[in-house]
N, C-alpha and C. Protein backbone atom coordinates (compact mmCIF):
# COMPACT_ATOMS: atom_id res chain seq x y z
N MET A 1 80.57 -70.60 11.14
CA MET A 1 79.59 -71.11 10.59
C MET A 1 80.35 -72.15 9.59
N THR A 2 79.86 -73.39 9.33
CA THR A 2 80.53 -74.23 8.24
C THR A 2 79.81 -74.26 6.98
N ASP A 3 80.40 -74.53 6.04
CA ASP A 3 79.97 -74.56 4.77
C ASP A 3 79.59 -76.08 4.41
N VAL A 4 78.41 -76.42 4.08
CA VAL A 4 78.01 -77.77 3.76
C VAL A 4 77.99 -77.91 2.26
N THR A 5 78.89 -78.88 1.69
CA THR A 5 78.79 -79.21 0.45
C THR A 5 78.12 -80.38 -0.12
N ALA A 6 78.24 -80.65 -1.34
CA ALA A 6 77.55 -81.80 -1.86
C ALA A 6 78.01 -83.14 -1.44
N THR A 7 79.40 -83.13 -0.98
CA THR A 7 79.94 -84.40 -0.44
C THR A 7 79.54 -84.82 0.75
N GLY A 8 78.95 -83.73 1.51
CA GLY A 8 78.50 -84.04 2.95
C GLY A 8 79.66 -83.69 3.85
N SER A 9 79.36 -83.94 5.07
CA SER A 9 80.26 -83.61 6.26
C SER A 9 81.37 -84.67 6.41
N GLY A 10 82.62 -84.48 6.60
CA GLY A 10 83.70 -85.44 6.85
C GLY A 10 84.34 -85.80 5.31
N GLY A 11 83.64 -85.30 4.31
CA GLY A 11 84.46 -85.33 2.94
C GLY A 11 84.01 -86.63 2.30
N ALA A 12 83.17 -87.64 2.86
CA ALA A 12 82.92 -88.68 2.33
C ALA A 12 82.03 -88.71 1.12
N ASP A 13 82.23 -89.57 0.02
CA ASP A 13 81.12 -89.46 -1.08
C ASP A 13 79.88 -89.84 -0.74
N VAL A 14 78.95 -88.91 -1.37
CA VAL A 14 77.40 -89.40 -0.92
C VAL A 14 76.99 -90.32 -2.08
N PRO A 15 76.30 -91.41 -1.71
CA PRO A 15 75.75 -92.16 -2.87
C PRO A 15 74.77 -91.52 -3.57
N PRO A 16 74.63 -91.93 -4.96
CA PRO A 16 73.62 -91.25 -5.76
C PRO A 16 72.18 -91.65 -5.37
N ARG A 17 71.32 -90.73 -5.33
CA ARG A 17 69.97 -90.94 -5.09
C ARG A 17 69.19 -91.93 -5.98
N PRO A 18 68.29 -92.70 -5.50
CA PRO A 18 67.65 -93.59 -6.54
C PRO A 18 66.74 -92.74 -7.25
N GLY A 19 66.52 -93.24 -8.57
CA GLY A 19 65.76 -92.56 -9.51
C GLY A 19 66.12 -92.79 -10.94
N PRO A 20 65.62 -92.05 -11.74
CA PRO A 20 65.91 -92.38 -13.23
C PRO A 20 67.49 -92.12 -13.51
N GLN A 21 67.94 -93.19 -14.28
CA GLN A 21 69.48 -92.98 -14.53
C GLN A 21 69.47 -92.14 -15.95
N VAL A 22 70.61 -91.51 -16.02
CA VAL A 22 70.79 -90.72 -17.20
C VAL A 22 71.12 -91.61 -18.56
N ASP A 23 71.75 -92.77 -18.28
CA ASP A 23 72.42 -93.34 -19.42
C ASP A 23 71.44 -94.54 -19.89
N ILE A 24 70.12 -94.17 -19.97
CA ILE A 24 69.13 -95.13 -20.64
C ILE A 24 68.93 -94.79 -22.03
N SER A 25 69.16 -95.87 -22.71
CA SER A 25 68.87 -95.85 -24.19
C SER A 25 67.50 -95.64 -24.57
N PRO A 26 67.14 -95.19 -25.70
CA PRO A 26 65.75 -95.14 -26.18
C PRO A 26 65.08 -96.50 -26.44
N GLU A 27 65.78 -97.34 -26.68
CA GLU A 27 65.36 -98.79 -26.82
C GLU A 27 64.80 -99.17 -25.40
N GLN A 28 65.63 -98.93 -24.41
CA GLN A 28 65.13 -99.23 -22.91
C GLN A 28 63.92 -98.55 -22.54
N VAL A 29 63.84 -97.21 -22.98
CA VAL A 29 62.67 -96.42 -22.68
C VAL A 29 61.46 -96.97 -23.35
N ARG A 30 61.52 -97.34 -24.61
CA ARG A 30 60.45 -97.85 -25.31
C ARG A 30 59.96 -99.27 -24.86
N GLU A 31 60.88 -100.06 -24.36
CA GLU A 31 60.69 -101.31 -23.68
C GLU A 31 59.82 -101.02 -22.59
N HIS A 32 60.31 -100.21 -21.62
CA HIS A 32 59.60 -99.67 -20.54
C HIS A 32 58.29 -99.34 -20.69
N LEU A 33 58.06 -98.46 -21.36
CA LEU A 33 56.74 -97.93 -21.81
C LEU A 33 55.90 -98.98 -22.40
N ARG A 34 56.36 -99.94 -23.10
CA ARG A 34 55.68 -100.95 -23.63
C ARG A 34 55.11 -101.96 -22.52
N ARG A 35 55.96 -102.41 -21.52
CA ARG A 35 55.83 -103.24 -20.56
C ARG A 35 54.52 -102.60 -19.65
N ARG A 36 54.73 -101.16 -19.28
CA ARG A 36 53.87 -100.38 -18.52
C ARG A 36 52.63 -100.34 -19.28
N ALA A 37 52.53 -100.10 -20.60
CA ALA A 37 51.23 -100.28 -21.23
C ALA A 37 50.46 -101.57 -21.14
N ILE A 38 51.19 -102.56 -21.25
CA ILE A 38 50.59 -103.91 -21.08
C ILE A 38 50.14 -104.04 -19.69
N PHE A 39 50.72 -103.64 -18.66
CA PHE A 39 50.39 -103.84 -17.19
C PHE A 39 49.24 -103.05 -17.08
N LEU A 40 49.09 -101.96 -17.50
CA LEU A 40 47.96 -100.95 -17.20
C LEU A 40 46.64 -101.79 -17.88
N ARG A 41 47.01 -102.10 -19.12
CA ARG A 41 45.82 -102.72 -19.95
C ARG A 41 45.34 -103.88 -19.12
N GLU A 42 46.20 -104.80 -18.60
CA GLU A 42 45.94 -105.89 -17.74
C GLU A 42 45.13 -105.50 -16.53
N LEU A 43 45.66 -104.47 -15.87
CA LEU A 43 44.96 -104.19 -14.60
C LEU A 43 43.52 -103.79 -14.84
N ALA A 44 43.35 -102.89 -15.93
CA ALA A 44 41.91 -102.45 -16.21
C ALA A 44 41.00 -103.70 -16.48
N GLU A 45 41.57 -104.72 -17.26
CA GLU A 45 40.86 -105.94 -17.65
C GLU A 45 40.52 -106.63 -16.48
N ALA A 46 41.60 -106.58 -15.46
CA ALA A 46 41.25 -107.54 -14.29
C ALA A 46 40.18 -106.69 -13.35
N ARG A 47 40.17 -105.37 -13.55
CA ARG A 47 39.13 -104.60 -12.63
C ARG A 47 37.76 -104.86 -13.16
N GLU A 48 37.67 -104.82 -14.59
CA GLU A 48 36.28 -105.02 -15.23
C GLU A 48 35.93 -106.45 -14.95
N LEU A 49 36.89 -107.52 -14.97
CA LEU A 49 36.36 -108.84 -14.73
C LEU A 49 35.88 -108.98 -13.31
N ARG A 50 36.59 -108.35 -12.40
CA ARG A 50 36.10 -108.56 -11.00
C ARG A 50 34.79 -107.93 -10.78
N ALA A 51 34.69 -106.79 -11.49
CA ALA A 51 33.26 -106.15 -11.31
C ALA A 51 32.08 -106.97 -11.89
N ARG A 52 32.56 -107.62 -13.17
CA ARG A 52 31.35 -108.61 -13.79
C ARG A 52 31.40 -109.91 -12.97
N VAL A 53 32.29 -110.42 -12.53
CA VAL A 53 32.05 -111.56 -11.76
C VAL A 53 31.50 -111.55 -10.29
N THR A 54 31.78 -110.49 -9.64
CA THR A 54 31.35 -110.23 -8.36
C THR A 54 30.43 -109.05 -8.29
N PRO A 55 29.15 -109.18 -8.89
CA PRO A 55 28.13 -107.93 -9.11
C PRO A 55 27.78 -107.42 -7.67
N HIS A 56 27.72 -108.22 -6.61
CA HIS A 56 27.37 -107.94 -5.34
C HIS A 56 28.25 -106.69 -4.73
N ARG A 57 29.56 -106.94 -5.01
CA ARG A 57 30.64 -106.16 -4.56
C ARG A 57 30.44 -104.68 -5.35
N SER A 58 30.26 -104.72 -6.56
CA SER A 58 30.00 -103.56 -7.22
C SER A 58 28.94 -102.69 -6.88
N ARG A 59 27.72 -103.60 -6.84
CA ARG A 59 26.54 -102.94 -6.35
C ARG A 59 26.70 -102.39 -4.91
N ARG A 60 27.34 -102.99 -4.12
CA ARG A 60 27.38 -102.43 -2.70
C ARG A 60 28.41 -101.15 -2.73
N ALA A 61 29.39 -101.09 -3.64
CA ALA A 61 30.27 -100.04 -3.84
C ALA A 61 29.50 -98.88 -4.36
N ARG A 62 28.45 -99.20 -5.27
CA ARG A 62 27.71 -98.01 -5.89
C ARG A 62 26.79 -97.50 -4.83
N ILE A 63 26.21 -98.21 -3.98
CA ILE A 63 25.18 -97.96 -2.94
C ILE A 63 25.90 -97.10 -1.77
N HIS A 64 27.15 -97.55 -1.61
CA HIS A 64 28.04 -96.87 -0.70
C HIS A 64 28.29 -95.42 -1.19
N ALA A 65 28.80 -95.43 -2.45
CA ALA A 65 29.23 -94.21 -3.07
C ALA A 65 27.85 -93.09 -3.06
N ALA A 66 26.85 -93.72 -3.47
CA ALA A 66 25.50 -92.93 -3.37
C ALA A 66 25.32 -92.38 -1.96
N LEU A 67 25.55 -93.18 -0.99
CA LEU A 67 25.16 -92.66 0.46
C LEU A 67 26.32 -91.71 0.73
N ARG A 68 27.50 -91.71 0.21
CA ARG A 68 28.46 -90.79 0.55
C ARG A 68 28.13 -89.48 -0.06
N ARG A 69 27.60 -89.34 -1.33
CA ARG A 69 27.38 -88.19 -2.00
C ARG A 69 26.12 -87.63 -1.30
N ARG A 70 25.28 -88.35 -1.04
CA ARG A 70 24.01 -87.88 -0.21
C ARG A 70 24.36 -87.25 1.13
N THR A 71 25.30 -87.73 1.77
CA THR A 71 25.72 -87.10 3.08
C THR A 71 26.31 -85.84 2.91
N PHE A 72 27.03 -85.71 1.77
CA PHE A 72 27.79 -84.28 1.68
C PHE A 72 27.02 -83.28 0.96
N ARG A 73 25.85 -83.61 0.51
CA ARG A 73 24.97 -82.57 -0.35
C ARG A 73 24.51 -81.50 0.45
N ILE A 74 24.64 -80.29 -0.15
CA ILE A 74 24.29 -79.05 0.51
C ILE A 74 22.91 -78.63 0.04
N ASN A 75 21.95 -78.52 1.08
CA ASN A 75 20.68 -78.09 0.77
C ASN A 75 20.46 -76.41 0.59
């Protein structure tokens, strides 16, 4: 039975997995969180605007949600 090490078979170096990097400065973290907050705020604003501009879609969605709830109601 062979022992599999972190370097993989053949001894070749395994490239690092994508994900958060260890050497991120606190300033970069703050900037990332600030941009994320702005994005989420704008996304919520866009959803509210879409619901206000196209009321027939939101009405249809409410009706469909009510039908789904009624379908799964237990008597």
